[in-house]
Amino acid sequence: MGIIMNVLSIVTGSLFGNIFKERIKFKNFTVFGIAIMIISIVGFFENIFDVNGMILKSNDLLVVVFALIIGTILGDAIQLETKINNISSYLNDSFTAFIDATIFFGVGGMQICGPIMLATVGDNSQLIIKSLIDFPFALMFGISYGKKVLLSSIPVAVVQVIIVLLTILSKTFFDTTVIKQLCAMGYIILFFSGFNLICESKYKINNVNMIIGIFIILLYNVLLKLWR
């Protein structure tokens, strides 16, 4: 359901944007950025902390923080975000809109963590949140580039399905601890997406570089299980 909803949000958003592009003038995403940041903070605290009386306790905070630091350093070193943004420059103009939209909707913490949660515990919440976030951006892409943006929903859905299948094959690995760590990292990446919207690129944080932190968490837990 979550994957289908995400596809529909991109398709309908781009179609509405194309149809009503002469009437829709809203281009200020500051309020939307604030909403994303609030959602991210709540989601992060839900996954990383346990409430014991009036005390917040966490066994996963250091793992997530170190994974974030290491992942960001590696992402900056290889200039991941720059390379992803430059993909469209190697193609002709007819593919630019499709590639830009695919990168925007298909690269992020929830694109990875959402399908993992769906496959492990049947939780669609992160994919639903992603769908709600993607819709207004699909609307703006539709206004700028037309209905061809809706084709970006195909690779986005394919990647999500592949992640679901891979997760099912290794389902015993994804226990509650691993899922919470991954979700916390996803919300951190999402938080800085909201921050970038508010700042309108004046103080841009290259949060795409943080995605490597997700794989650092996976590597850490694989090594931990092998050690045990």
Protein backbone atom coordinates (compact mmCIF):
# COMPACT_ATOMS: atom_id res chain seq x y z
CA MET A 1 0.00 0.00 0.00
CA GLY A 2 2.78 2.43 0.92
CA ILE A 3 4.59 1.93 -2.40
CA ILE A 4 1.36 2.33 -4.37
CA MET A 5 0.52 5.51 -2.44
CA ASN A 6 3.97 6.93 -3.17
CA VAL A 7 3.57 6.21 -6.89
CA LEU A 8 0.11 7.83 -6.93
CA SER A 9 1.38 10.91 -5.08
CA ILE A 10 4.06 11.49 -7.75
CA VAL A 11 1.73 10.72 -10.66
CA THR A 12 -1.22 12.82 -9.46
CA GLY A 13 1.02 15.67 -8.30
CA SER A 14 2.77 15.97 -11.66
CA LEU A 15 -0.52 15.67 -13.58
CA PHE A 16 -2.23 18.35 -11.51
CA GLY A 17 0.82 20.56 -11.86
CA ASN A 18 0.73 20.18 -15.63
CA ILE A 19 -3.03 20.74 -15.88
CA PHE A 20 -3.26 23.72 -13.52
CA LYS A 21 0.16 25.28 -14.09
CA GLU A 22 -1.40 28.57 -15.16
CA ARG A 23 -3.41 28.82 -11.94
CA ILE A 24 -1.00 27.49 -9.30
CA LYS A 25 1.34 30.26 -8.22
CA PHE A 26 2.48 28.89 -4.83
CA LYS A 27 6.23 28.49 -4.78
CA ASN A 28 7.16 29.30 -1.18
CA PHE A 29 8.09 26.09 0.61
CA THR A 30 9.25 27.67 3.90
CA VAL A 31 6.18 26.53 5.87
CA PHE A 32 6.44 23.11 4.27
CA GLY A 33 10.10 22.93 5.31
CA ILE A 34 9.15 23.70 8.91
CA ALA A 35 6.53 20.92 8.82
CA ILE A 36 9.14 18.46 7.52
CA MET A 37 11.54 19.42 10.32
CA ILE A 38 8.84 18.94 12.99
CA ILE A 39 7.90 15.52 11.57
CA SER A 40 11.59 14.57 11.51
CA ILE A 41 12.23 15.60 15.12
CA VAL A 42 9.20 13.64 16.37
CA GLY A 43 10.14 10.58 14.30
CA PHE A 44 13.76 10.72 15.46
CA PHE A 45 12.84 10.87 19.15
CA GLU A 46 10.28 8.07 18.75
CA ASN A 47 12.89 5.74 17.28
CA ILE A 48 15.99 6.64 19.25
CA PHE A 49 14.74 7.22 22.81
CA ASP A 50 12.80 5.20 25.37
CA VAL A 51 10.89 7.03 28.08
CA ASN A 52 11.57 5.75 31.60
CA GLY A 53 9.60 7.90 34.01
CA MET A 54 10.80 11.42 33.29
CA ILE A 55 14.10 10.23 31.81
CA LEU A 56 14.95 9.67 28.16
CA LYS A 57 17.18 6.65 27.60
CA SER A 58 18.79 5.41 24.42
CA ASN A 59 21.07 2.50 23.59
CA ASP A 60 21.24 3.46 19.92
CA LEU A 61 22.09 7.17 19.97
CA LEU A 62 25.87 6.76 19.77
CA VAL A 63 25.57 4.21 16.96
CA VAL A 64 23.43 6.59 14.90
CA VAL A 65 25.63 9.61 15.65
CA PHE A 66 28.87 7.83 14.73
CA ALA A 67 27.24 6.36 11.60
CA LEU A 68 26.09 9.85 10.65
CA ILE A 69 29.57 11.31 11.15
CA ILE A 70 31.38 8.54 9.29
CA GLY A 71 28.79 8.41 6.51
CA THR A 72 28.85 12.18 6.02
CA ILE A 73 32.66 12.25 5.93
CA LEU A 74 32.68 9.50 3.30
CA GLY A 75 29.87 11.15 1.35
CA ASP A 76 31.71 14.47 1.35
CA ALA A 77 34.96 12.76 0.36
CA ILE A 78 33.45 11.15 -2.73
CA GLN A 79 31.15 14.17 -3.36
CA LEU A 80 28.10 11.92 -3.59
CA GLU A 81 25.51 14.69 -3.83
CA THR A 82 27.48 16.57 -6.47
CA LYS A 83 27.84 13.45 -8.60
CA ILE A 84 24.13 12.65 -8.33
CA ASN A 85 23.19 16.22 -9.28
CA ASN A 86 25.53 16.08 -12.27
CA ILE A 87 23.93 12.97 -13.76
CA SER A 88 21.43 14.98 -15.79
CA SER A 89 24.22 17.07 -17.34
CA TYR A 90 25.50 14.00 -19.19
CA LEU A 91 22.16 13.46 -20.92
CA ASN A 92 20.30 15.48 -23.49
CA ASP A 93 17.62 17.95 -22.44
CA SER A 94 14.70 15.60 -23.16
CA PHE A 95 15.76 13.37 -20.25
CA THR A 96 16.68 16.14 -17.82
CA ALA A 97 13.23 16.49 -16.21
CA PHE A 98 12.88 12.73 -15.82
CA ILE A 99 16.35 12.33 -14.28
CA ASP A 100 15.98 15.33 -11.97
CA ALA A 101 12.61 14.10 -10.67
CA THR A 102 13.88 10.53 -10.29
CA ILE A 103 16.87 11.72 -8.26
CA PHE A 104 14.70 13.99 -6.12
CA PHE A 105 12.05 11.37 -5.30
CA GLY A 106 14.34 8.33 -5.33
CA VAL A 107 17.26 9.46 -3.19
CA GLY A 108 16.68 9.82 0.53
CA GLY A 109 16.47 8.12 3.88
CA MET A 110 12.79 7.21 3.61
CA GLN A 111 13.31 5.71 0.15
CA ILE A 112 15.49 3.09 1.88
CA CYS A 113 14.02 2.86 5.38
CA GLY A 114 10.36 2.92 4.30
CA PRO A 115 10.48 -0.35 2.28
CA ILE A 116 12.57 -1.99 5.03
CA MET A 117 9.87 -1.21 7.62
CA LEU A 118 7.20 -2.43 5.23
CA ALA A 119 8.98 -5.75 4.65
CA THR A 120 9.89 -6.41 8.28
CA VAL A 121 6.92 -5.27 10.37
CA GLY A 122 4.32 -4.34 7.74
CA ASP A 123 4.56 -0.66 8.71
CA ASN A 124 3.67 1.74 5.89
CA SER A 125 4.05 4.91 7.98
CA GLN A 126 7.35 6.12 6.51
CA LEU A 127 6.22 5.50 2.94
CA ILE A 128 2.96 7.34 3.66
CA ILE A 129 4.88 10.29 5.10
CA LYS A 130 7.15 10.21 2.04
CA SER A 131 4.07 10.26 -0.20
CA LEU A 132 2.65 13.31 1.57
CA ILE A 133 6.01 15.06 1.20
CA ASP A 134 6.47 14.06 -2.46
CA PHE A 135 3.05 15.28 -3.64
CA PRO A 136 3.61 19.07 -3.48
CA PHE A 137 7.05 18.67 -5.04
CA ALA A 138 5.58 16.54 -7.84
CA LEU A 139 3.10 19.38 -8.28
CA MET A 140 5.93 21.88 -8.72
CA PHE A 141 7.84 19.54 -11.04
CA GLY A 142 4.67 19.18 -13.10
CA ILE A 143 4.31 22.96 -13.33
CA SER A 144 7.93 23.35 -14.43
CA TYR A 145 8.47 20.28 -16.64
CA GLY A 146 5.04 18.90 -17.53
CA LYS A 147 3.41 15.51 -17.16
CA LYS A 148 6.52 13.55 -18.22
CA VAL A 149 7.68 13.90 -14.60
CA LEU A 150 5.17 11.20 -13.65
CA LEU A 151 7.46 8.62 -15.31
CA SER A 152 9.91 9.13 -12.44
CA SER A 153 7.48 7.18 -10.26
CA ILE A 154 8.49 3.97 -12.09
CA PRO A 155 12.18 3.79 -11.04
CA VAL A 156 11.22 5.04 -7.56
CA ALA A 157 8.74 2.16 -7.17
CA VAL A 158 11.13 -0.39 -8.69
CA VAL A 159 13.87 0.52 -6.20
CA GLN A 160 11.39 0.27 -3.31
CA VAL A 161 10.21 -3.17 -4.46
CA ILE A 162 13.82 -4.37 -4.79
CA ILE A 163 14.57 -3.17 -1.24
CA VAL A 164 11.46 -4.97 0.04
CA LEU A 165 12.50 -8.23 -1.65
CA LEU A 166 16.09 -8.01 -0.41
CA THR A 167 14.84 -7.29 3.10
CA ILE A 168 12.49 -10.29 3.05
CA LEU A 169 15.38 -12.53 2.00
CA SER A 170 17.40 -11.35 5.01
CA LYS A 171 14.50 -10.69 7.36
CA THR A 172 16.12 -12.30 10.40
CA PHE A 173 18.80 -9.63 10.30
CA PHE A 174 16.37 -6.72 10.66
CA ASP A 175 15.42 -6.86 14.33
CA THR A 176 13.78 -3.98 16.22
CA THR A 177 17.10 -2.37 17.09
CA VAL A 178 18.33 -2.24 13.48
CA ILE A 179 15.00 -0.87 12.23
CA LYS A 180 14.96 1.91 14.85
CA GLN A 181 18.54 2.90 14.02
CA LEU A 182 17.77 3.03 10.31
CA CYS A 183 14.58 5.03 10.85
CA ALA A 184 16.39 7.50 13.11
CA MET A 185 19.00 8.03 10.40
CA GLY A 186 16.27 8.48 7.80
CA TYR A 187 14.61 11.17 9.89
CA ILE A 188 17.93 13.01 10.33
CA ILE A 189 18.38 13.13 6.56
CA LEU A 190 14.77 14.28 6.16
CA PHE A 191 15.27 16.99 8.81
CA PHE A 192 18.02 18.62 6.76
CA SER A 193 15.82 18.43 3.66
CA GLY A 194 13.38 20.66 5.55
CA PHE A 195 16.24 22.87 6.69
CA ASN A 196 17.39 23.35 3.09
CA LEU A 197 13.87 24.34 2.06
CA ILE A 198 13.71 27.00 4.74
CA CYS A 199 17.13 28.41 3.88
CA GLU A 200 16.39 28.24 0.14
CA SER A 201 19.95 26.97 -0.52
CA LYS A 202 21.58 29.99 1.17
CA TYR A 203 23.00 27.73 3.88
CA LYS A 204 22.60 24.38 2.14
CA ILE A 205 23.48 21.18 3.98
CA ASN A 206 24.50 18.37 1.61
CA ASN A 207 22.21 15.86 3.30
CA VAL A 208 22.38 13.42 0.38
CA ASN A 209 25.96 12.73 1.49
CA MET A 210 24.52 11.50 4.80
CA ILE A 211 22.80 8.55 3.07
CA ILE A 212 26.03 6.54 3.36
CA GLY A 213 25.34 6.60 7.10
CA ILE A 214 22.47 4.17 6.47
CA PHE A 215 24.90 1.66 4.99
CA ILE A 216 27.32 2.26 7.89
CA ILE A 217 24.54 1.23 10.29
CA LEU A 218 23.88 -1.90 8.23
CA LEU A 219 27.60 -2.75 8.15
CA TYR A 220 27.93 -2.18 11.90
CA ASN A 221 25.06 -4.53 12.69
CA VAL A 222 26.34 -7.20 10.29
CA LEU A 223 29.77 -7.12 11.95
CA LEU A 224 28.15 -7.11 15.40
CA LYS A 225 26.08 -10.20 14.63
CA LEU A 226 29.09 -11.99 13.13
CA TRP A 227 31.12 -11.16 16.25
CA ARG A 228 28.43 -12.59 18.50
